[in-house]
Amino acid sequence: MRRSMHKCFRFISIVLLSGLSCGMAAQNLLPDSLGARKSYQAMITMPKGYVSGVCMMVRDSTGIVGSLFNEFGFSALDFRYHERKDKVEIVHAMALMDKWYIRKVLRNDLRMLLQSLAKGDTLYEDKKYKLTYVFTPMREELKKEAADDLEE
């Protein structure tokens, strides 16, 4: 009796979890149409510190153009993501990050982060260099998306 209850409970749990996961499609968190803009609360954590601020992204004809700036308005990083080539170009980096070896890591990590955002994930971890990137959509972005969903 007890064994059959465990099997039944396990079966019900699996059915419920699979049903819930089917209902929750991953939401693309990147700007989706030409000229569309998205804002994110951004945090890049490193072993010896962090960079936090706001990241704004705009979709143009070649891909996505983004800028990360801190709370004081200083630009920390400007980048361009070429979707067809699946490559990130660092246009500008603040002096602290403007080293060839840091740019190389940033290019790869931003590419992986943008792919994560396209799948609906707000976090990317670079385990090799112990870097964590968290890009959370800003509240007004979430409110706007909810209003758009209600209109449909």
Protein backbone atom coordinates (compact mmCIF):
# COMPACT_ATOMS: atom_id res chain seq x y z
CA MET A 1 0.00 0.00 0.00
CA ARG A 2 2.68 2.43 1.03
CA ARG A 3 4.84 1.63 -2.00
CA SER A 4 1.93 2.18 -4.40
CA MET A 5 1.18 5.55 -2.76
CA HIS A 6 4.78 6.63 -3.33
CA LYS A 7 4.58 5.58 -6.98
CA CYS A 8 1.29 7.41 -7.39
CA PHE A 9 2.66 10.54 -5.70
CA ARG A 10 5.77 10.43 -7.87
CA PHE A 11 3.66 10.02 -11.02
CA ILE A 12 1.40 12.94 -10.06
CA SER A 13 4.43 15.13 -9.32
CA ILE A 14 5.98 14.35 -12.70
CA VAL A 15 2.72 15.06 -14.53
CA LEU A 16 2.22 18.37 -12.71
CA LEU A 17 5.80 19.51 -13.25
CA SER A 18 5.75 18.63 -16.93
CA GLY A 19 2.41 20.39 -17.33
CA LEU A 20 3.72 23.50 -15.62
CA SER A 21 6.89 23.56 -17.69
CA CYS A 22 4.89 23.25 -20.92
CA GLY A 23 2.79 26.25 -19.93
CA MET A 24 5.80 28.40 -19.17
CA ALA A 25 7.52 29.16 -22.44
CA ALA A 26 10.87 30.91 -22.16
CA GLN A 27 10.47 34.59 -22.87
CA ASN A 28 13.02 36.35 -25.04
CA LEU A 29 14.39 39.22 -22.94
CA LEU A 30 16.21 40.95 -25.82
CA PRO A 31 14.79 43.81 -27.91
CA ASP A 32 12.68 42.01 -30.50
CA SER A 33 11.96 44.48 -33.32
CA LEU A 34 13.93 47.10 -35.21
CA GLY A 35 14.32 50.16 -33.00
CA ALA A 36 13.02 48.36 -29.90
CA ARG A 37 14.76 49.23 -26.65
CA LYS A 38 15.20 47.33 -23.41
CA SER A 39 16.72 48.41 -20.11
CA TYR A 40 18.28 46.11 -17.53
CA GLN A 41 19.58 46.43 -14.00
CA ALA A 42 23.08 45.02 -14.53
CA MET A 43 25.61 43.50 -12.15
CA ILE A 44 28.95 41.97 -13.14
CA THR A 45 30.58 40.28 -10.16
CA MET A 46 34.31 39.48 -10.15
CA PRO A 47 36.45 37.82 -7.47
CA LYS A 48 37.83 41.21 -6.35
CA GLY A 49 34.86 43.49 -6.92
CA TYR A 50 31.88 44.25 -9.10
CA VAL A 51 30.47 46.65 -11.67
CA SER A 52 26.82 47.56 -11.35
CA GLY A 53 24.54 49.92 -13.17
CA VAL A 54 22.08 50.04 -16.01
CA CYS A 55 22.41 48.42 -19.42
CA MET A 56 20.39 49.72 -22.33
CA MET A 57 20.07 47.78 -25.57
CA VAL A 58 18.59 48.77 -28.92
CA ARG A 59 18.00 46.52 -31.92
CA ASP A 60 19.26 47.88 -35.24
CA SER A 61 19.58 46.35 -38.71
CA THR A 62 22.74 44.38 -37.87
CA GLY A 63 21.89 43.19 -34.37
CA ILE A 64 21.94 44.74 -30.93
CA VAL A 65 23.80 47.81 -29.70
CA GLY A 66 24.28 48.07 -25.94
CA SER A 67 25.73 50.36 -23.34
CA LEU A 68 26.45 49.63 -19.69
CA PHE A 69 26.82 52.63 -17.42
CA ASN A 70 27.15 52.94 -13.67
CA GLU A 71 24.87 54.72 -11.18
CA PHE A 72 26.74 57.99 -11.75
CA GLY A 73 26.16 57.91 -15.50
CA PHE A 74 29.71 57.00 -16.53
CA SER A 75 29.88 54.59 -19.44
CA ALA A 76 31.59 51.37 -18.40
CA LEU A 77 31.12 49.45 -21.62
CA ASP A 78 29.67 49.92 -25.11
CA PHE A 79 29.20 46.91 -27.34
CA ARG A 80 27.61 45.69 -30.54
CA TYR A 81 26.25 42.16 -31.06
CA HIS A 82 26.22 40.94 -34.67
CA GLU A 83 23.55 38.24 -34.62
CA ARG A 84 24.30 36.70 -38.01
CA LYS A 85 27.96 36.23 -37.14
CA ASP A 86 27.18 35.52 -33.46
CA LYS A 87 29.99 37.89 -32.45
CA VAL A 88 30.30 40.70 -29.93
CA GLU A 89 32.41 43.77 -30.65
CA ILE A 90 33.55 45.89 -27.70
CA VAL A 91 33.27 49.47 -28.96
CA HIS A 92 34.40 51.17 -25.75
CA ALA A 93 35.50 49.98 -22.31
CA MET A 94 36.37 52.05 -19.26
CA ALA A 95 40.08 52.23 -18.42
CA LEU A 96 39.83 49.54 -15.73
CA MET A 97 38.53 47.01 -18.29
CA ASP A 98 40.37 48.28 -21.38
CA LYS A 99 42.98 45.52 -21.59
CA TRP A 100 43.17 43.05 -24.49
CA TYR A 101 42.78 40.00 -22.26
CA ILE A 102 39.78 41.50 -20.43
CA ARG A 103 38.17 42.51 -23.73
CA LYS A 104 38.56 38.93 -24.99
CA VAL A 105 36.77 37.51 -21.94
CA LEU A 106 34.08 40.21 -22.11
CA ARG A 107 33.40 39.50 -25.79
CA ASN A 108 32.81 35.82 -25.12
CA ASP A 109 30.86 36.36 -21.90
CA LEU A 110 28.59 39.02 -23.41
CA ARG A 111 27.87 36.71 -26.33
CA MET A 112 26.90 33.94 -23.92
CA LEU A 113 24.86 36.37 -21.79
CA LEU A 114 22.94 37.62 -24.83
CA GLN A 115 22.19 34.04 -25.82
CA SER A 116 20.95 33.43 -22.25
CA LEU A 117 18.73 36.52 -22.39
CA ALA A 118 17.30 35.29 -25.69
CA LYS A 119 16.29 32.07 -23.88
CA GLY A 120 14.76 34.00 -20.97
CA ASP A 121 17.62 33.55 -18.49
CA THR A 122 18.90 36.64 -16.67
CA LEU A 123 22.10 35.07 -15.34
CA TYR A 124 25.31 33.85 -16.93
CA GLU A 125 28.27 32.46 -15.00
CA ASP A 126 31.79 32.19 -16.38
CA LYS A 127 33.13 29.46 -14.12
CA LYS A 128 36.66 29.60 -15.55
CA TYR A 129 37.22 33.24 -14.56
CA LYS A 130 34.68 33.27 -11.69
CA LEU A 131 32.56 36.02 -13.23
CA THR A 132 28.81 36.34 -12.79
CA TYR A 133 26.60 38.47 -15.03
CA VAL A 134 23.06 39.28 -13.91
CA PHE A 135 20.92 41.41 -16.23
CA THR A 136 17.41 41.87 -14.82
CA PRO A 137 14.79 43.70 -16.91
CA MET A 138 13.87 47.05 -15.36
CA ARG A 139 10.44 47.33 -13.76
CA GLU A 140 9.01 49.67 -16.39
CA GLU A 141 10.02 47.10 -19.01
CA LEU A 142 8.15 44.38 -17.12
CA LYS A 143 5.07 46.60 -16.73
CA LYS A 144 5.13 47.47 -20.43
CA GLU A 145 5.37 43.79 -21.43
CA ALA A 146 2.49 42.89 -19.10
CA ALA A 147 0.34 45.65 -20.63
CA ASP A 148 1.22 44.45 -24.14
CA ASP A 149 0.23 40.89 -23.18
CA LEU A 150 -3.13 42.11 -21.87
CA GLU A 151 -3.84 43.94 -25.14
CA GLU A 152 -3.29 40.75 -27.15
